[in-house]
Amino acid sequence: MKETGKGPAILRINNEKRVIAALRHQQLTSRQDLSRQLRLSKNTVSLIVDDLIAAGLVEEREPFSSSVAGRRKIGIALRPERRLSAGIMVERQRVHLRVCDAFSQVLEERTWQTETADPARLLAELVRHCQQLTRDYPALIGIALGFPGIIDPQRGWMHHSSHLGWQDADLFSSLQPQVSVPLLIMNNVKAAALLSARQLKCDPTDSNFYLRIGEGVGGALVKDGEIYTGSSWTAGEVGHLVIDPHGIRCSCGRRGCLETLISQPAIQQQLAVKAPGLSWENRASAPDIVNALMATAGTHLGHALGQIMLLLNPGDIVIDGPWNHHEGFVAAVRHSAKQSALDFTLQRTRLHFIEQHVDPANGLALAVLEQHERVDPL
């Protein structure tokens, strides 16, 4: 009997999304292997793959070589140029854009300086860029826009951004009606966290924490392959952990937040105070001062990481920041984390000090793909 109704239709769409996601992750596989991996019947997989080939999204490749006797497997692969996504990252006085294919390869990249203090003006500018992208890339399936601050991604609403000076901005309603492809609104650091988990090939069934040191200090928890935002969208705001209650005042109004101690502006300011004219760029001119300051910064971060380990217990912690290139900083982080966390927890937490900065624009583009592949409840 032919199936009718909403349930079977959603099931079919969900199975198609699962096939596309598997093809994106594996890049080259076979119908038989997809059937086994996804626990779908061979007939179901074949029908979906045939439809995707007819739509130009998938192509057949040369048969797999096999040492096992029997029928050779026909290779199938996603055509990455037929599923494009874009990420637009907004920072203070700067916008960075990337267009990526389905395998996260960058097809276009642009960065420009602009005025970001006025929300209406900047959002109008972003609309124009989004519209241009849809004209230039017919295969574009969506655009993600990332902002610093407290973002509700479901509503596309910015509650607050100290870096931009924005408060209660309805981002989605200002943008989506004027753009012909789906839009996704996210926090920049959370988008970068999503990408870092993929790049490091972290266990998708485990949790990992991403910490980014830049103009501010932010973080995000990735659990089961998705960003955990919390009940008020502030989960992972590690930059506002109070490390020194008697320290300088933070943009949030409190004193001694981690951000005031180890962010790029904070370190640059501390260097200049220690020796006029000294900066991170010319640090080789005063190695003793720099080494002492980096040791202190690493101690502060290690203390924060110890709290993260005990509260969230992630399998991996990824530190993404410019200070990773300083051996003394890394050593101080490890030593301080050891003092701040239980040995049992520390021994089961992997710390990654990555050398190449994760680009949030790439993470935003990846979020578009993953949103498109998310299965709907039956």
Protein backbone atom coordinates (compact mmCIF):
# COMPACT_ATOMS: atom_id res chain seq x y z
CA MET A 1 0.00 0.00 0.00
CA LYS A 2 1.29 3.44 -0.88
CA GLU A 3 2.18 5.55 2.14
CA THR A 4 0.36 8.83 2.49
CA GLY A 5 0.37 11.60 5.07
CA LYS A 6 2.76 13.99 6.64
CA GLY A 7 4.78 11.40 8.58
CA PRO A 8 6.14 9.44 5.59
CA ALA A 9 6.92 12.68 3.73
CA ILE A 10 8.97 13.99 6.68
CA LEU A 11 10.67 10.59 7.01
CA ARG A 12 11.67 10.72 3.35
CA ILE A 13 13.06 14.26 3.71
CA ASN A 14 14.93 13.29 6.89
CA ASN A 15 16.49 10.28 5.19
CA GLU A 16 17.60 12.49 2.32
CA LYS A 17 19.19 14.91 4.77
CA ARG A 18 21.00 12.05 6.48
CA VAL A 19 22.35 10.81 3.15
CA ILE A 20 23.57 14.29 2.18
CA ALA A 21 25.22 14.77 5.59
CA ALA A 22 26.99 11.41 5.32
CA LEU A 23 28.21 12.24 1.82
CA ARG A 24 29.51 15.60 3.02
CA HIS A 25 31.46 14.04 5.88
CA GLN A 26 32.86 11.08 3.93
CA GLN A 27 33.21 12.80 0.53
CA LEU A 28 33.40 9.45 -1.26
CA THR A 29 31.45 6.30 -0.41
CA SER A 30 29.03 3.79 -1.97
CA ARG A 31 25.34 2.99 -1.78
CA GLN A 32 26.10 -0.20 0.13
CA ASP A 33 28.24 1.57 2.71
CA LEU A 34 25.63 4.32 3.17
CA SER A 35 22.95 1.72 3.73
CA ARG A 36 25.04 0.01 6.38
CA GLN A 37 26.12 3.25 8.06
CA LEU A 38 22.68 4.87 8.17
CA ARG A 39 20.81 1.62 8.83
CA LEU A 40 18.52 2.22 5.90
CA SER A 41 17.45 -0.35 3.33
CA LYS A 42 19.53 -0.56 0.16
CA ASN A 43 16.44 0.28 -1.85
CA THR A 44 15.76 3.44 0.18
CA VAL A 45 19.34 4.64 -0.21
CA SER A 46 19.41 3.86 -3.93
CA LEU A 47 16.20 5.79 -4.56
CA ILE A 48 17.50 8.82 -2.65
CA VAL A 49 20.89 8.71 -4.37
CA ASP A 50 19.26 8.38 -7.80
CA ASP A 51 17.12 11.46 -7.08
CA LEU A 52 20.16 13.41 -5.92
CA ILE A 53 22.06 12.42 -9.08
CA ALA A 54 19.11 13.55 -11.21
CA ALA A 55 19.10 16.88 -9.35
CA GLY A 56 22.81 17.32 -10.05
CA LEU A 57 23.83 17.24 -6.37
CA VAL A 58 25.59 13.86 -6.46
CA GLU A 59 27.69 12.07 -9.05
CA GLU A 60 28.90 8.54 -9.57
CA ARG A 61 32.62 7.83 -9.54
CA GLU A 62 34.88 4.96 -10.57
CA PRO A 63 34.22 1.63 -8.84
CA PHE A 64 36.08 1.01 -5.60
CA SER A 65 39.10 -1.30 -5.74
CA SER A 66 38.56 -4.26 -3.49
CA SER A 67 40.72 -7.19 -2.41
CA VAL A 68 37.56 -9.10 -1.57
CA ALA A 69 36.01 -11.20 -4.26
CA GLY A 70 32.61 -10.07 -5.46
CA ARG A 71 30.90 -7.17 -7.14
CA ARG A 72 32.84 -3.91 -7.11
CA LYS A 73 31.19 -0.90 -5.43
CA ILE A 74 30.27 2.12 -7.51
CA GLY A 75 31.61 5.26 -5.86
CA ILE A 76 29.25 8.16 -5.18
CA ALA A 77 30.20 11.65 -4.09
CA LEU A 78 28.57 14.95 -3.31
CA ARG A 79 29.22 17.69 -5.84
CA PRO A 80 30.50 20.36 -3.45
CA GLU A 81 30.04 23.23 -5.89
CA ARG A 82 26.29 22.58 -5.95
CA ARG A 83 25.74 23.27 -2.23
CA LEU A 84 27.30 26.56 -1.23
CA SER A 85 27.00 28.52 1.99
CA ALA A 86 28.27 31.87 3.21
CA GLY A 87 29.36 33.27 6.55
CA ILE A 88 29.51 36.98 7.36
CA MET A 89 31.31 37.89 10.58
CA VAL A 90 30.70 41.32 12.09
CA GLU A 91 33.24 42.81 14.48
CA ARG A 92 33.78 46.33 15.70
CA GLN A 93 34.45 48.52 12.61
CA ARG A 94 35.06 45.41 10.47
CA VAL A 95 33.17 42.82 8.44
CA HIS A 96 34.65 39.56 7.14
CA LEU A 97 32.91 37.36 4.56
CA ARG A 98 33.55 33.88 3.21
CA VAL A 99 31.71 31.76 0.64
CA CYS A 100 32.39 28.02 0.97
CA ASP A 101 31.46 24.86 -0.86
CA ALA A 102 29.96 21.79 0.79
CA PHE A 103 33.42 20.61 1.89
CA SER A 104 34.18 23.99 3.54
CA GLN A 105 36.62 25.02 0.83
CA VAL A 106 36.73 28.80 0.51
CA LEU A 107 35.54 30.12 -2.86
CA GLU A 108 35.54 33.82 -2.01
CA GLU A 109 36.83 35.88 0.88
CA ARG A 110 36.50 39.60 1.57
CA THR A 111 37.19 41.89 4.50
CA TRP A 112 36.32 45.55 4.76
CA GLN A 113 36.30 48.33 7.31
CA THR A 114 32.96 49.96 8.03
CA GLU A 115 31.06 51.90 10.67
CA THR A 116 29.34 49.51 13.08
CA ALA A 117 28.00 51.87 15.77
CA ASP A 118 24.62 52.42 14.04
CA PRO A 119 22.61 49.14 13.82
CA ALA A 120 20.22 50.37 11.10
CA ARG A 121 23.03 51.54 8.85
CA LEU A 122 25.08 48.35 9.22
CA LEU A 123 22.09 46.03 8.75
CA ALA A 124 21.18 47.86 5.53
CA GLU A 125 24.75 47.36 4.35
CA LEU A 126 24.60 43.65 5.21
CA VAL A 127 21.36 43.29 3.26
CA ARG A 128 23.07 44.64 0.15
CA HIS A 129 25.94 42.17 0.52
CA CYS A 130 23.56 39.25 1.09
CA GLN A 131 21.56 40.18 -1.99
CA GLN A 132 24.74 40.38 -4.06
CA LEU A 133 25.81 36.93 -2.84
CA THR A 134 22.51 35.40 -3.94
CA ARG A 135 22.98 36.92 -7.39
CA ASP A 136 26.60 35.79 -7.69
CA TYR A 137 26.05 32.25 -6.36
CA PRO A 138 22.82 30.55 -7.53
CA ALA A 139 23.82 27.39 -5.62
CA LEU A 140 23.83 29.26 -2.30
CA ILE A 141 21.56 27.47 0.20
CA GLY A 142 21.87 29.97 3.05
CA ILE A 143 23.87 32.70 4.77
CA ALA A 144 24.87 32.86 8.42
CA LEU A 145 25.65 36.19 10.03
CA GLY A 146 27.75 36.27 13.17
CA PHE A 147 27.91 39.05 15.75
CA PRO A 148 29.72 39.55 19.05
CA GLY A 149 27.40 39.59 22.04
CA ILE A 150 24.45 37.75 23.54
CA ILE A 151 22.48 36.30 20.63
CA ASP A 152 19.26 34.30 20.65
CA PRO A 153 19.79 32.24 17.47
CA GLN A 154 16.19 30.97 17.39
CA ARG A 155 14.72 34.48 17.17
CA GLY A 156 17.72 36.09 15.52
CA TRP A 157 17.73 38.66 18.30
CA MET A 158 20.71 40.44 19.82
CA HIS A 159 20.17 41.18 23.50
CA HIS A 160 23.42 43.00 24.08
CA SER A 161 26.82 43.58 22.50
CA SER A 162 29.36 45.58 24.46
CA HIS A 163 31.80 45.45 21.52
CA LEU A 164 29.32 46.99 19.09
CA GLY A 165 27.43 49.07 21.62
CA TRP A 166 24.10 47.53 20.53
CA GLN A 167 21.13 46.68 22.73
CA ASP A 168 17.94 44.72 21.90
CA ALA A 169 18.32 44.56 18.11
CA ASP A 170 15.93 42.45 16.01
CA LEU A 171 18.49 41.23 13.49
CA PHE A 172 16.45 38.53 11.76
CA SER A 173 13.39 40.67 11.01
CA SER A 174 15.62 43.42 9.63
CA LEU A 175 17.45 41.08 7.27
CA GLN A 176 15.46 37.99 6.24
CA PRO A 177 12.52 39.67 4.43
CA GLN A 178 14.96 41.28 2.02
CA VAL A 179 17.08 38.19 1.29
CA SER A 180 15.91 35.26 -0.86
CA VAL A 181 17.84 32.48 0.93
CA PRO A 182 17.46 31.35 4.56
CA LEU A 183 19.45 33.33 7.11
CA LEU A 184 20.98 32.13 10.35
CA ILE A 185 22.01 34.51 13.14
CA MET A 186 24.73 33.39 15.55
CA ASN A 187 27.40 34.51 17.97
CA ASN A 188 30.82 34.57 16.27
CA VAL A 189 32.63 32.54 18.91
CA LYS A 190 29.97 29.85 18.92
CA ALA A 191 30.31 29.51 15.14
CA ALA A 192 34.09 29.15 15.51
CA ALA A 193 33.53 26.48 18.18
CA LEU A 194 31.48 24.44 15.74
CA LEU A 195 34.27 24.55 13.17
CA SER A 196 37.04 23.78 15.66
CA ALA A 197 35.30 20.58 16.72
CA ARG A 198 35.19 19.45 13.09
CA GLN A 199 38.77 20.44 12.31
CA LEU A 200 40.18 18.61 15.33
CA LYS A 201 37.85 15.66 14.66
CA CYS A 202 36.63 15.68 18.24
CA ASP A 203 34.40 12.79 19.23
CA PRO A 204 30.88 13.95 18.19
CA THR A 205 29.33 11.91 21.02
CA ASP A 206 31.47 13.72 23.60
CA SER A 207 31.50 17.39 24.60
CA ASN A 208 34.24 19.91 23.95
CA PHE A 209 34.83 23.49 24.98
CA TYR A 210 36.26 26.16 22.67
CA LEU A 211 37.92 29.27 24.10
CA ARG A 212 38.85 32.19 21.84
CA ILE A 213 41.20 35.02 22.77
CA GLY A 214 40.81 38.10 20.60
CA GLU A 215 39.41 41.55 21.15
CA GLY A 216 37.51 39.89 23.95
CA VAL A 217 37.53 36.38 25.42
CA GLY A 218 34.66 34.09 24.57
CA GLY A 219 33.83 30.43 24.73
CA ALA A 220 31.28 27.84 23.72
CA LEU A 221 30.38 24.28 24.62
CA VAL A 222 29.79 21.83 21.77
CA LYS A 223 27.74 18.81 22.83
CA ASP A 224 26.67 16.01 20.48
CA GLY A 225 27.81 18.11 17.55
CA GLU A 226 25.69 21.14 18.48
CA ILE A 227 26.28 24.40 20.30
CA TYR A 228 24.85 24.59 23.80
CA THR A 229 23.64 28.16 24.34
CA GLY A 230 21.97 27.82 27.75
CA SER A 231 18.65 29.23 28.95
CA SER A 232 19.75 32.85 28.47
CA TRP A 233 22.18 32.33 25.56
CA THR A 234 25.23 33.06 27.74
CA ALA A 235 26.59 29.53 28.19
CA GLY A 236 30.33 29.61 27.58
CA GLU A 237 30.88 33.29 28.46
CA VAL A 238 34.20 32.40 30.03
CA GLY A 239 35.56 35.91 29.42
CA HIS A 240 33.37 37.17 32.25
CA LEU A 241 34.52 34.72 34.88
CA VAL A 242 35.87 36.91 37.69
CA ILE A 243 39.50 35.97 38.28
CA ASP A 244 40.70 39.04 40.18
CA PRO A 245 37.91 40.77 42.18
CA HIS A 246 40.20 43.76 42.75
CA GLY A 247 41.21 44.06 39.11
CA ILE A 248 40.31 46.69 36.53
CA ARG A 249 36.72 47.26 35.48
CA CYS A 250 35.39 45.20 32.58
CA SER A 251 33.00 46.34 29.85
CA CYS A 252 30.33 44.29 31.65
CA GLY A 253 30.67 46.58 34.70
CA ARG A 254 32.39 44.13 37.03
CA ARG A 255 36.04 43.98 38.03
CA GLY A 256 38.71 41.44 37.22
CA CYS A 257 36.98 39.43 34.47
CA LEU A 258 39.25 37.07 32.54
CA GLU A 259 38.76 39.29 29.48
CA THR A 260 40.44 42.23 31.28
CA LEU A 261 43.48 40.06 31.97
CA ILE A 262 44.27 38.04 28.82
CA SER A 263 42.44 39.57 25.82
CA GLN A 264 44.51 41.14 23.04
CA PRO A 265 43.79 44.74 24.15
CA ALA A 266 44.49 43.80 27.79
CA ILE A 267 47.89 42.27 27.03
CA GLN A 268 48.85 45.15 24.74
CA GLN A 269 47.95 47.63 27.46
CA GLN A 270 49.89 45.72 30.08
CA LEU A 271 52.96 45.59 27.84
CA ALA A 272 52.78 49.34 27.22
CA VAL A 273 52.54 50.01 30.96
CA LYS A 274 55.55 47.80 31.68
CA ALA A 275 57.68 49.57 29.07
CA PRO A 276 56.52 52.54 26.95
CA GLY A 277 56.37 51.55 23.29
CA LEU A 278 56.47 47.81 24.03
CA SER A 279 53.86 45.72 22.18
CA TRP A 280 53.26 42.11 21.23
CA GLU A 281 54.60 42.87 17.74
CA ASN A 282 58.00 44.04 19.06
CA ARG A 283 58.09 41.69 22.06
CA ALA A 284 61.57 40.44 21.17
CA SER A 285 62.94 43.78 22.40
CA ALA A 286 62.07 42.98 26.04
CA PRO A 287 61.88 39.20 26.48
CA ASP A 288 62.05 39.20 30.29
CA ILE A 289 59.05 41.52 30.61
CA VAL A 290 57.08 39.57 28.03
CA ASN A 291 57.90 36.19 29.57
CA ALA A 292 56.78 37.33 33.03
CA LEU A 293 53.57 38.82 31.68
CA MET A 294 52.77 35.70 29.62
CA ALA A 295 53.32 33.50 32.66
CA THR A 296 50.84 35.59 34.63
CA ALA A 297 48.30 35.52 31.78
CA GLY A 298 48.68 31.76 31.47
CA THR A 299 48.11 31.35 35.20
CA HIS A 300 44.87 33.33 34.96
CA LEU A 301 43.64 31.24 32.03
CA GLY A 302 44.61 27.95 33.68
CA HIS A 303 42.58 28.91 36.74
CA ALA A 304 39.54 29.54 34.52
CA LEU A 305 40.05 26.26 32.67
CA GLY A 306 40.12 24.38 35.96
CA GLN A 307 36.65 25.74 36.73
CA ILE A 308 35.42 24.77 33.26
CA MET A 309 36.73 21.24 33.70
CA LEU A 310 34.96 20.80 37.01
CA LEU A 311 31.68 22.39 35.95
CA LEU A 312 31.31 21.12 32.38
CA ASN A 313 33.73 18.16 32.23
CA PRO A 314 34.44 18.42 28.48
CA GLY A 315 36.53 15.76 26.78
CA ASP A 316 38.50 18.39 24.87
CA ILE A 317 39.29 22.05 25.50
CA VAL A 318 40.47 24.06 22.49
CA ILE A 319 42.40 27.27 23.18
CA ASP A 320 42.49 29.57 20.15
CA GLY A 321 44.56 32.70 20.63
CA PRO A 322 47.75 34.55 19.73
CA TRP A 323 49.49 33.70 23.00
CA ASN A 324 49.63 30.00 22.06
CA HIS A 325 52.91 30.73 20.27
CA HIS A 326 54.56 31.59 23.60
CA GLU A 327 55.90 28.49 25.35
CA GLY A 328 55.81 30.13 28.77
CA PHE A 329 52.12 30.95 28.37
CA VAL A 330 51.23 27.36 27.46
CA ALA A 331 53.29 25.96 30.31
CA ALA A 332 51.68 28.34 32.80
CA VAL A 333 48.18 27.41 31.58
CA ARG A 334 48.89 23.71 32.07
CA HIS A 335 50.44 24.23 35.51
CA SER A 336 47.63 26.46 36.76
CA ALA A 337 44.93 24.13 35.36
CA LYS A 338 46.57 21.26 37.23
CA GLN A 339 46.38 23.24 40.46
CA SER A 340 42.75 24.28 39.86
CA ALA A 341 41.15 21.01 38.73
CA LEU A 342 40.91 17.54 40.21
CA ASP A 343 43.66 15.23 38.94
CA PHE A 344 41.05 12.67 37.91
CA THR A 345 39.29 15.26 35.74
CA LEU A 346 42.46 16.81 34.35
CA GLN A 347 43.84 13.46 33.22
CA ARG A 348 40.70 12.87 31.18
CA THR A 349 40.60 16.30 29.55
CA ARG A 350 42.66 16.96 26.42
CA LEU A 351 43.99 20.52 26.03
CA HIS A 352 44.61 21.73 22.48
CA PHE A 353 46.63 24.91 21.92
CA ILE A 354 45.98 25.41 18.22
CA GLU A 355 48.45 27.49 16.23
CA GLN A 356 46.22 28.49 13.32
CA HIS A 357 43.32 30.81 14.20
CA VAL A 358 39.86 29.37 13.51
CA ASP A 359 37.95 31.66 11.14
CA PRO A 360 34.42 32.24 12.49
CA ALA A 361 33.20 33.07 8.97
CA ASN A 362 34.03 29.49 7.96
CA GLY A 363 32.23 28.26 11.07
CA LEU A 364 29.20 30.33 10.12
CA ALA A 365 29.16 28.81 6.63
CA LEU A 366 29.41 25.34 8.18
CA ALA A 367 26.49 26.14 10.48
CA VAL A 368 24.34 26.81 7.41
CA LEU A 369 25.09 23.35 6.04
CA GLU A 370 24.41 21.65 9.35
CA GLN A 371 21.19 23.57 9.84
CA HIS A 372 20.08 22.49 6.37
CA GLU A 373 20.85 18.85 7.21
CA ARG A 374 19.09 18.83 10.59
CA VAL A 375 16.34 16.23 10.67
CA ASP A 376 12.82 17.31 11.62
CA PRO A 377 10.80 15.55 14.35
CA LEU A 378 8.21 13.12 13.02
